[in-house]
Amino acid sequence: MLRCALERRLVGRDYILDGGFSAADIGIGQALYMARHFARTDDFPALGAWYARVTARKGFRNAAAGNRPTCFINATSTRHGMAEFVRNR
């Protein structure tokens, strides 16, 4: 069970990898965000604490609110897309 493996990995750690917050936390955080609608995590205290840290980050709060960085909006909402993004950097 993935929740058990994550629980074991997160005991005594702030993030999944030893080097700190990483893409692993982002990917697994997104998966857990979706899974929490179907699977409870109450019996996994380290996982719950990690999830609270990940969801407290400004980037997560912005994404959950539907906010996108200005550079992303400029790159995707124009007819010229990435070319305009690169020019405006």
Protein backbone atom coordinates (compact mmCIF):
# COMPACT_ATOMS: atom_id res chain seq x y z
CA MET A 1 0.00 0.00 0.00
CA LEU A 2 1.43 3.37 -1.07
CA ARG A 3 0.27 5.19 2.05
CA CYS A 4 2.21 2.72 4.22
CA ALA A 5 5.36 3.15 2.13
CA LEU A 6 5.08 6.94 2.27
CA GLU A 7 4.45 6.85 6.00
CA ARG A 8 7.63 4.80 6.55
CA ARG A 9 9.63 7.12 4.31
CA LEU A 10 8.40 10.31 5.98
CA VAL A 11 8.95 9.36 9.61
CA GLY A 12 11.56 11.82 10.85
CA ARG A 13 11.72 13.72 7.54
CA ASP A 14 10.22 16.98 6.34
CA TYR A 15 10.12 15.96 2.68
CA ILE A 16 10.34 12.81 0.58
CA LEU A 17 13.95 13.28 -0.55
CA ASP A 18 16.82 13.97 1.83
CA GLY A 19 17.77 17.12 -0.10
CA GLY A 20 14.55 18.95 0.80
CA PHE A 21 11.45 19.95 -1.10
CA SER A 22 11.54 18.59 -4.67
CA ALA A 23 9.51 17.55 -7.68
CA ALA A 24 8.85 14.28 -5.83
CA ASP A 25 6.88 16.21 -3.21
CA ILE A 26 4.98 18.10 -5.90
CA GLY A 27 4.02 14.95 -7.82
CA ILE A 28 3.10 12.88 -4.81
CA GLY A 29 1.38 15.86 -3.20
CA GLN A 30 -0.85 16.23 -6.25
CA ALA A 31 -1.63 12.51 -6.23
CA LEU A 32 -2.46 12.61 -2.52
CA TYR A 33 -4.60 15.70 -3.07
CA MET A 34 -6.72 13.64 -5.46
CA ALA A 35 -6.58 10.43 -3.39
CA ARG A 36 -7.81 12.15 -0.23
CA HIS A 37 -11.25 12.24 -1.83
CA PHE A 38 -11.28 8.43 -1.80
CA ALA A 39 -8.77 7.22 0.79
CA ARG A 40 -8.33 8.42 4.36
CA THR A 41 -4.93 9.29 5.78
CA ASP A 42 -5.89 9.63 9.46
CA ASP A 43 -3.90 6.53 10.41
CA PHE A 44 -0.70 7.93 8.87
CA PRO A 45 0.57 10.79 11.08
CA ALA A 46 3.88 11.39 9.26
CA LEU A 47 2.07 11.46 5.92
CA GLY A 48 -0.51 13.86 7.32
CA ALA A 49 2.19 16.18 8.70
CA TRP A 50 4.05 16.11 5.37
CA TYR A 51 0.85 16.88 3.48
CA ALA A 52 0.18 19.82 5.78
CA ARG A 53 3.69 21.18 5.06
CA VAL A 54 3.30 20.74 1.31
CA THR A 55 -0.16 22.31 1.17
CA ALA A 56 0.98 25.25 3.34
CA ARG A 57 3.51 26.32 0.69
CA LYS A 58 2.66 29.48 -1.22
CA GLY A 59 2.89 27.69 -4.58
CA PHE A 60 0.33 25.09 -3.54
CA ARG A 61 -2.05 27.72 -2.19
CA ASN A 62 -1.76 29.72 -5.41
CA ALA A 63 -2.33 26.64 -7.58
CA ALA A 64 -5.32 25.55 -5.48
CA ALA A 65 -6.79 29.04 -5.89
CA GLY A 66 -6.34 28.84 -9.67
CA ASN A 67 -3.61 31.49 -9.76
CA ARG A 68 -0.94 31.05 -12.42
CA PRO A 69 2.34 32.96 -12.62
CA THR A 70 2.20 35.98 -14.93
CA CYS A 71 4.93 34.58 -17.18
CA PHE A 72 2.88 31.40 -17.68
CA ILE A 73 -0.26 33.36 -18.47
CA ASN A 74 1.63 35.52 -20.97
CA ALA A 75 3.15 32.46 -22.62
CA THR A 76 -0.09 30.55 -22.98
CA SER A 77 -2.72 33.20 -23.49
CA THR A 78 -1.22 34.89 -26.52
CA ARG A 79 -1.28 33.93 -30.14
CA HIS A 80 2.52 33.69 -30.22
CA GLY A 81 2.85 31.56 -27.10
CA MET A 82 6.38 30.65 -26.03
CA ALA A 83 8.11 32.97 -28.49
CA GLU A 84 6.53 35.98 -26.81
CA PHE A 85 7.32 34.58 -23.37
CA VAL A 86 11.01 34.30 -24.28
CA ARG A 87 11.12 37.82 -25.75
CA ASN A 88 9.52 39.32 -22.65
CA ARG A 89 11.80 37.68 -20.08
